[in-house]
Amino acid sequence: MHAFARNSIRCSLTAAILALSACAGDEAARPSPPPPPTAGEPGCGADRLGAYIGKPASDDNLAAIRKESGANAIRVIKPGMAVTMDYRPDRLNVELDDAGRITALRCS
């Protein structure tokens, strides 16, 4: 084989390996989701709101949830609604069913 052809093949293989390693690097560079808050961290108060499960998400109930939770932010999530996946331990998610009843209260 001619020296030029060997160098060309070697360069092509090197370029392919570098390209593949760059793709693998993207996977490893993604940050893992943060852990749930520990006992010392501020939370969203979801643990105190179990009595609201099954109740309608009326303005009065949502206002009471906001007051009782002490959460910095409240997000009402309806079925099929797109939401961001960022983790905020001080945000209370109020999840609803198709009938507008509260199905879950979670910090995130």
Protein backbone atom coordinates (compact mmCIF):
# COMPACT_ATOMS: atom_id res chain seq x y z
CA MET A 1 0.00 0.00 0.00
CA HIS A 2 1.24 3.45 -0.82
CA ALA A 3 2.34 5.66 2.11
CA PHE A 4 -0.16 8.37 1.13
CA ALA A 5 -3.04 5.87 1.23
CA ARG A 6 -1.98 4.59 4.67
CA ASN A 7 -1.78 8.13 6.04
CA SER A 8 -5.18 8.93 4.55
CA ILE A 9 -6.75 5.86 6.16
CA ARG A 10 -5.02 6.64 9.47
CA CYS A 11 -6.33 10.23 9.39
CA SER A 12 -9.85 9.02 8.57
CA LEU A 13 -9.82 6.54 11.45
CA THR A 14 -8.47 9.16 13.84
CA ALA A 15 -11.18 11.62 12.79
CA ALA A 16 -13.88 8.96 13.24
CA ILE A 17 -12.61 8.05 16.73
CA LEU A 18 -12.48 11.70 17.77
CA ALA A 19 -16.01 12.28 16.49
CA LEU A 20 -17.35 9.28 18.40
CA SER A 21 -15.55 10.25 21.58
CA ALA A 22 -17.01 13.75 21.34
CA CYS A 23 -20.52 12.24 21.25
CA ALA A 24 -19.77 10.08 24.26
CA GLY A 25 -18.46 13.13 26.08
CA ASP A 26 -21.82 14.88 25.74
CA GLU A 27 -23.51 12.02 27.59
CA ALA A 28 -20.98 12.13 30.42
CA ALA A 29 -21.07 15.94 30.64
CA ARG A 30 -24.79 16.09 31.41
CA PRO A 31 -25.36 16.94 35.04
CA SER A 32 -27.28 14.47 37.12
CA PRO A 33 -30.47 15.76 38.74
CA PRO A 34 -29.97 17.26 42.17
CA PRO A 35 -30.89 15.14 45.18
CA PRO A 36 -34.05 15.81 47.13
CA PRO A 37 -33.68 18.32 49.96
CA THR A 38 -32.31 17.12 53.25
CA ALA A 39 -33.84 17.94 56.62
CA GLY A 40 -31.86 21.20 56.93
CA GLU A 41 -32.85 22.60 53.53
CA PRO A 42 -35.94 24.72 52.97
CA GLY A 43 -38.76 22.80 51.33
CA CYS A 44 -42.09 23.61 49.80
CA GLY A 45 -44.36 22.36 52.60
CA ALA A 46 -45.95 19.52 50.58
CA ASP A 47 -45.70 17.21 53.57
CA ARG A 48 -48.24 19.36 55.45
CA LEU A 49 -50.91 19.45 52.73
CA GLY A 50 -52.28 15.90 52.48
CA ALA A 51 -55.78 17.08 53.42
CA TYR A 52 -56.08 18.82 50.02
CA ILE A 53 -55.72 15.61 47.96
CA GLY A 54 -59.02 14.97 46.17
CA LYS A 55 -60.30 18.52 46.66
CA PRO A 56 -61.05 20.84 43.72
CA ALA A 57 -58.32 23.30 42.73
CA SER A 58 -60.54 26.28 43.44
CA ASP A 59 -59.12 29.74 43.99
CA ASP A 60 -59.90 29.42 47.71
CA ASN A 61 -58.16 26.04 48.03
CA LEU A 62 -55.11 27.22 46.08
CA ALA A 63 -54.87 30.34 48.24
CA ALA A 64 -55.05 28.20 51.39
CA ILE A 65 -52.40 25.83 49.99
CA ARG A 66 -50.14 28.79 49.20
CA LYS A 67 -50.54 30.16 52.74
CA GLU A 68 -50.13 26.83 54.56
CA SER A 69 -47.22 25.58 52.49
CA GLY A 70 -44.97 28.60 52.79
CA ALA A 71 -43.57 27.68 49.36
CA ASN A 72 -41.76 30.40 47.43
CA ALA A 73 -43.50 29.35 44.21
CA ILE A 74 -46.54 27.27 43.35
CA ARG A 75 -47.12 25.62 39.98
CA VAL A 76 -50.49 24.11 39.06
CA ILE A 77 -50.03 21.22 36.61
CA LYS A 78 -52.98 20.07 34.54
CA PRO A 79 -53.05 16.70 32.70
CA GLY A 80 -50.94 16.78 29.53
CA MET A 81 -49.43 20.14 30.41
CA ALA A 82 -45.77 20.63 29.48
CA VAL A 83 -43.57 21.58 32.43
CA THR A 84 -39.88 22.23 32.89
CA MET A 85 -37.85 19.53 34.60
CA ASP A 86 -35.64 21.84 36.64
CA TYR A 87 -35.54 20.96 40.33
CA ARG A 88 -36.44 23.68 42.81
CA PRO A 89 -36.94 22.40 46.36
CA ASP A 90 -38.84 25.57 47.30
CA ARG A 91 -41.47 25.17 44.54
CA LEU A 92 -44.74 23.37 45.22
CA ASN A 93 -46.29 21.47 42.30
CA VAL A 94 -50.05 21.04 42.57
CA GLU A 95 -51.02 18.24 40.17
CA LEU A 96 -54.61 18.00 38.93
CA ASP A 97 -56.73 15.36 37.24
CA ASP A 98 -59.09 15.92 34.29
CA ALA A 99 -61.86 17.02 36.66
CA GLY A 100 -59.65 19.72 38.22
CA ARG A 101 -59.17 17.87 41.50
CA ILE A 102 -55.82 17.83 43.29
CA THR A 103 -54.09 14.46 42.88
CA ALA A 104 -50.62 15.22 44.23
CA LEU A 105 -48.59 17.92 45.98
CA ARG A 106 -44.83 17.68 45.48
CA CYS A 107 -41.74 19.77 45.96
CA SER A 108 -39.79 20.34 42.74
